[in-house]
Amino acid sequence: MGKVKRPIHFTEMKKRLDICKIRNQLVNLRCWELQSGDIIQYEGWRVIGSHWRGGTHRLKNPVNGQIRMVRDITIFEYMGHEIYL
């Protein structure tokens, strides 16, 4: 059985996403889709921007160049860590 990662706070997750943007690192996220509540997984995506007042981060798929905007409040898992408010 693998090591269980500790939960992290919402603000810590946002800081880590911004650090990943600066360092040009790939991230793994799980979040809810706003309309349907479906779970969306972003594995190996690059953080390319954020909007502090809007509460969003922009992600880019390095394989095909697809760009998505994710609302921070919908993210419930960052790099295997659960997020709490």
N, C-alpha and C. Protein backbone atom coordinates (compact mmCIF):
# COMPACT_ATOMS: atom_id res chain seq x y z
N MET A 1 0.84 -1.17 0.00
CA MET A 1 0.00 0.00 0.00
C MET A 1 0.88 1.24 0.00
N GLY A 2 0.58 2.21 -0.88
CA GLY A 2 1.39 3.42 -1.01
C GLY A 2 1.19 4.39 0.13
N LYS A 3 2.08 5.33 0.20
CA LYS A 3 2.01 6.36 1.24
C LYS A 3 0.81 7.28 0.98
N VAL A 4 0.03 7.52 2.02
CA VAL A 4 -1.13 8.40 1.91
C VAL A 4 -0.65 9.85 2.03
N LYS A 5 -1.03 10.67 1.06
CA LYS A 5 -0.63 12.07 1.09
C LYS A 5 -1.58 12.85 1.96
N ARG A 6 -1.05 13.81 2.70
CA ARG A 6 -1.87 14.60 3.60
C ARG A 6 -2.70 15.61 2.82
N PRO A 7 -3.89 15.93 3.31
CA PRO A 7 -4.70 16.96 2.65
C PRO A 7 -4.03 18.32 2.76
N ILE A 8 -4.27 19.18 1.80
CA ILE A 8 -3.72 20.54 1.85
C ILE A 8 -4.85 21.55 1.74
N HIS A 9 -4.61 22.74 2.27
CA HIS A 9 -5.61 23.80 2.26
C HIS A 9 -5.73 24.41 0.87
N PHE A 10 -6.87 24.95 0.59
CA PHE A 10 -7.19 25.58 -0.69
C PHE A 10 -6.15 26.64 -1.07
N THR A 11 -5.77 27.51 -0.14
CA THR A 11 -4.80 28.57 -0.45
C THR A 11 -3.41 28.00 -0.74
N GLU A 12 -3.04 26.92 -0.06
CA GLU A 12 -1.75 26.28 -0.33
C GLU A 12 -1.74 25.69 -1.74
N MET A 13 -2.87 25.11 -2.15
CA MET A 13 -2.98 24.56 -3.50
C MET A 13 -2.80 25.66 -4.54
N LYS A 14 -3.41 26.82 -4.32
CA LYS A 14 -3.28 27.93 -5.26
C LYS A 14 -1.83 28.42 -5.33
N LYS A 15 -1.16 28.47 -4.20
CA LYS A 15 0.26 28.87 -4.19
C LYS A 15 1.11 27.86 -4.94
N ARG A 16 0.84 26.57 -4.73
CA ARG A 16 1.60 25.53 -5.42
C ARG A 16 1.38 25.58 -6.93
N LEU A 17 0.15 25.87 -7.35
CA LEU A 17 -0.12 26.01 -8.79
C LEU A 17 0.67 27.17 -9.39
N ASP A 18 0.75 28.28 -8.65
CA ASP A 18 1.52 29.43 -9.13
C ASP A 18 3.01 29.12 -9.19
N ILE A 19 3.50 28.35 -8.23
CA ILE A 19 4.91 27.93 -8.25
C ILE A 19 5.18 27.03 -9.45
N CYS A 20 4.25 26.12 -9.75
CA CYS A 20 4.39 25.25 -10.91
C CYS A 20 4.43 26.06 -12.20
N LYS A 21 3.68 27.14 -12.24
CA LYS A 21 3.70 28.02 -13.42
C LYS A 21 5.09 28.63 -13.58
N ILE A 22 5.65 29.14 -12.50
CA ILE A 22 6.97 29.77 -12.54
C ILE A 22 8.04 28.77 -12.94
N ARG A 23 7.98 27.56 -12.40
CA ARG A 23 8.98 26.53 -12.65
C ARG A 23 8.71 25.71 -13.92
N ASN A 24 7.58 26.00 -14.58
CA ASN A 24 7.21 25.30 -15.81
C ASN A 24 7.06 23.79 -15.58
N GLN A 25 6.42 23.42 -14.45
CA GLN A 25 6.24 22.02 -14.08
C GLN A 25 4.85 21.53 -14.49
N LEU A 26 4.75 20.23 -14.69
CA LEU A 26 3.47 19.61 -15.02
C LEU A 26 2.71 19.28 -13.74
N VAL A 27 1.38 19.34 -13.81
CA VAL A 27 0.55 19.06 -12.64
C VAL A 27 -0.50 18.01 -12.98
N ASN A 28 -1.00 17.37 -11.93
CA ASN A 28 -2.13 16.44 -12.03
C ASN A 28 -3.24 16.99 -11.15
N LEU A 29 -4.38 17.24 -11.75
CA LEU A 29 -5.52 17.79 -11.02
C LEU A 29 -6.76 16.95 -11.26
N ARG A 30 -7.64 16.95 -10.27
CA ARG A 30 -8.98 16.39 -10.44
C ARG A 30 -9.94 17.47 -9.99
N CYS A 31 -10.95 17.72 -10.81
CA CYS A 31 -11.93 18.76 -10.46
C CYS A 31 -13.30 18.37 -10.97
N TRP A 32 -14.30 19.12 -10.51
CA TRP A 32 -15.67 18.89 -10.94
C TRP A 32 -16.01 19.80 -12.10
N GLU A 33 -16.81 19.31 -13.03
CA GLU A 33 -17.35 20.13 -14.10
C GLU A 33 -18.54 20.87 -13.51
N LEU A 34 -18.61 22.18 -13.73
CA LEU A 34 -19.62 23.01 -13.06
C LEU A 34 -21.05 22.62 -13.40
N GLN A 35 -21.34 22.40 -14.65
CA GLN A 35 -22.71 22.15 -15.06
C GLN A 35 -23.23 20.77 -14.63
N SER A 36 -22.45 19.73 -14.93
CA SER A 36 -22.94 18.37 -14.72
C SER A 36 -22.42 17.71 -13.45
N GLY A 37 -21.32 18.23 -12.89
CA GLY A 37 -20.73 17.61 -11.71
C GLY A 37 -19.83 16.44 -12.02
N ASP A 38 -19.58 16.20 -13.31
CA ASP A 38 -18.67 15.12 -13.70
C ASP A 38 -17.25 15.43 -13.22
N ILE A 39 -16.47 14.39 -13.00
CA ILE A 39 -15.08 14.56 -12.58
C ILE A 39 -14.20 14.63 -13.82
N ILE A 40 -13.36 15.67 -13.86
CA ILE A 40 -12.43 15.86 -14.97
C ILE A 40 -11.02 15.70 -14.41
N GLN A 41 -10.19 14.93 -15.11
CA GLN A 41 -8.80 14.71 -14.69
C GLN A 41 -7.87 15.40 -15.68
N TYR A 42 -6.95 16.17 -15.14
CA TYR A 42 -5.90 16.79 -15.93
C TYR A 42 -4.59 16.18 -15.47
N GLU A 43 -4.05 15.26 -16.23
CA GLU A 43 -2.80 14.57 -15.86
C GLU A 43 -1.68 15.03 -16.77
N GLY A 44 -0.65 15.60 -16.17
CA GLY A 44 0.50 16.05 -16.94
C GLY A 44 0.26 17.33 -17.71
N TRP A 45 -0.58 18.22 -17.20
CA TRP A 45 -0.86 19.50 -17.85
C TRP A 45 0.05 20.57 -17.26
N ARG A 46 0.31 21.61 -18.03
CA ARG A 46 1.18 22.71 -17.62
C ARG A 46 0.33 23.91 -17.23
N VAL A 47 0.66 24.56 -16.12
CA VAL A 47 -0.04 25.78 -15.70
C VAL A 47 0.56 26.94 -16.48
N ILE A 48 -0.28 27.66 -17.22
CA ILE A 48 0.25 28.76 -18.04
C ILE A 48 -0.25 30.13 -17.60
N GLY A 49 -1.17 30.18 -16.64
CA GLY A 49 -1.65 31.47 -16.18
C GLY A 49 -2.66 31.32 -15.07
N SER A 50 -2.95 32.47 -14.45
CA SER A 50 -3.95 32.48 -13.39
C SER A 50 -4.61 33.85 -13.33
N HIS A 51 -5.77 33.89 -12.72
CA HIS A 51 -6.48 35.14 -12.52
C HIS A 51 -6.93 35.15 -11.07
N TRP A 52 -6.25 35.95 -10.26
CA TRP A 52 -6.48 35.95 -8.81
C TRP A 52 -7.90 36.37 -8.48
N ARG A 53 -8.38 37.45 -9.05
CA ARG A 53 -9.72 37.94 -8.73
C ARG A 53 -10.81 37.03 -9.30
N GLY A 54 -10.53 36.42 -10.43
CA GLY A 54 -11.50 35.52 -11.05
C GLY A 54 -11.48 34.13 -10.45
N GLY A 55 -10.41 33.81 -9.71
CA GLY A 55 -10.31 32.49 -9.08
C GLY A 55 -10.14 31.37 -10.08
N THR A 56 -9.31 31.60 -11.11
CA THR A 56 -9.12 30.58 -12.14
C THR A 56 -7.63 30.36 -12.42
N HIS A 57 -7.34 29.23 -13.01
CA HIS A 57 -6.01 28.92 -13.54
C HIS A 57 -6.19 28.39 -14.96
N ARG A 58 -5.25 28.73 -15.83
CA ARG A 58 -5.26 28.22 -17.19
C ARG A 58 -4.25 27.10 -17.30
N LEU A 59 -4.66 26.01 -17.93
CA LEU A 59 -3.82 24.84 -18.11
C LEU A 59 -3.64 24.55 -19.60
N LYS A 60 -2.47 24.01 -19.93
CA LYS A 60 -2.20 23.65 -21.32
C LYS A 60 -1.73 22.21 -21.39
N ASN A 61 -2.31 21.45 -22.30
CA ASN A 61 -1.90 20.08 -22.52
C ASN A 61 -0.65 20.10 -23.39
N PRO A 62 0.49 19.61 -22.88
CA PRO A 62 1.73 19.67 -23.68
C PRO A 62 1.72 18.74 -24.89
N VAL A 63 0.81 17.79 -24.93
CA VAL A 63 0.76 16.84 -26.05
C VAL A 63 0.11 17.47 -27.28
N ASN A 64 -1.07 18.08 -27.09
CA ASN A 64 -1.79 18.60 -28.25
C ASN A 64 -2.01 20.12 -28.23
N GLY A 65 -1.53 20.80 -27.18
CA GLY A 65 -1.64 22.26 -27.12
C GLY A 65 -2.99 22.79 -26.69
N GLN A 66 -3.91 21.92 -26.30
CA GLN A 66 -5.24 22.33 -25.87
C GLN A 66 -5.13 23.15 -24.57
N ILE A 67 -5.89 24.24 -24.49
CA ILE A 67 -5.88 25.12 -23.32
C ILE A 67 -7.24 25.06 -22.65
N ARG A 68 -7.23 24.95 -21.33
CA ARG A 68 -8.47 24.94 -20.54
C ARG A 68 -8.35 25.92 -19.38
N MET A 69 -9.46 26.53 -19.01
CA MET A 69 -9.50 27.37 -17.83
C MET A 69 -10.29 26.61 -16.75
N VAL A 70 -9.69 26.51 -15.56
CA VAL A 70 -10.30 25.76 -14.47
C VAL A 70 -10.57 26.72 -13.31
N ARG A 71 -11.79 26.68 -12.80
CA ARG A 71 -12.10 27.48 -11.61
C ARG A 71 -11.47 26.80 -10.40
N ASP A 72 -10.74 27.57 -9.60
CA ASP A 72 -10.01 27.02 -8.46
C ASP A 72 -10.93 26.29 -7.48
N ILE A 73 -12.10 26.80 -7.27
CA ILE A 73 -13.02 26.23 -6.27
C ILE A 73 -13.49 24.83 -6.67
N THR A 74 -13.39 24.47 -7.96
CA THR A 74 -13.83 23.15 -8.40
C THR A 74 -12.75 22.08 -8.24
N ILE A 75 -11.51 22.48 -7.94
CA ILE A 75 -10.42 21.52 -7.79
C ILE A 75 -10.54 20.84 -6.43
N PHE A 76 -10.58 19.51 -6.42
CA PHE A 76 -10.66 18.79 -5.15
C PHE A 76 -9.46 17.87 -4.92
N GLU A 77 -8.56 17.78 -5.90
CA GLU A 77 -7.34 17.01 -5.71
C GLU A 77 -6.21 17.61 -6.53
N TYR A 78 -5.07 17.82 -5.87
CA TYR A 78 -3.88 18.37 -6.51
C TYR A 78 -2.72 17.43 -6.25
N MET A 79 -2.16 16.83 -7.29
CA MET A 79 -1.00 15.95 -7.18
C MET A 79 -1.20 14.86 -6.13
N GLY A 80 -2.42 14.33 -6.04
CA GLY A 80 -2.72 13.25 -5.09
C GLY A 80 -3.13 13.73 -3.71
N HIS A 81 -3.07 15.05 -3.46
CA HIS A 81 -3.48 15.61 -2.17
C HIS A 81 -4.94 16.07 -2.27
N GLU A 82 -5.76 15.66 -1.31
CA GLU A 82 -7.11 16.19 -1.26
C GLU A 82 -7.05 17.65 -0.81
N ILE A 83 -8.02 18.45 -1.28
CA ILE A 83 -8.08 19.86 -0.95
C ILE A 83 -9.22 20.11 0.03
N TYR A 84 -8.93 20.91 1.06
CA TYR A 84 -10.00 21.32 1.97
C TYR A 84 -10.06 22.83 2.06
N LEU A 85 -11.22 23.35 2.44
CA LEU A 85 -11.42 24.80 2.54
C LEU A 85 -11.19 25.31 3.93
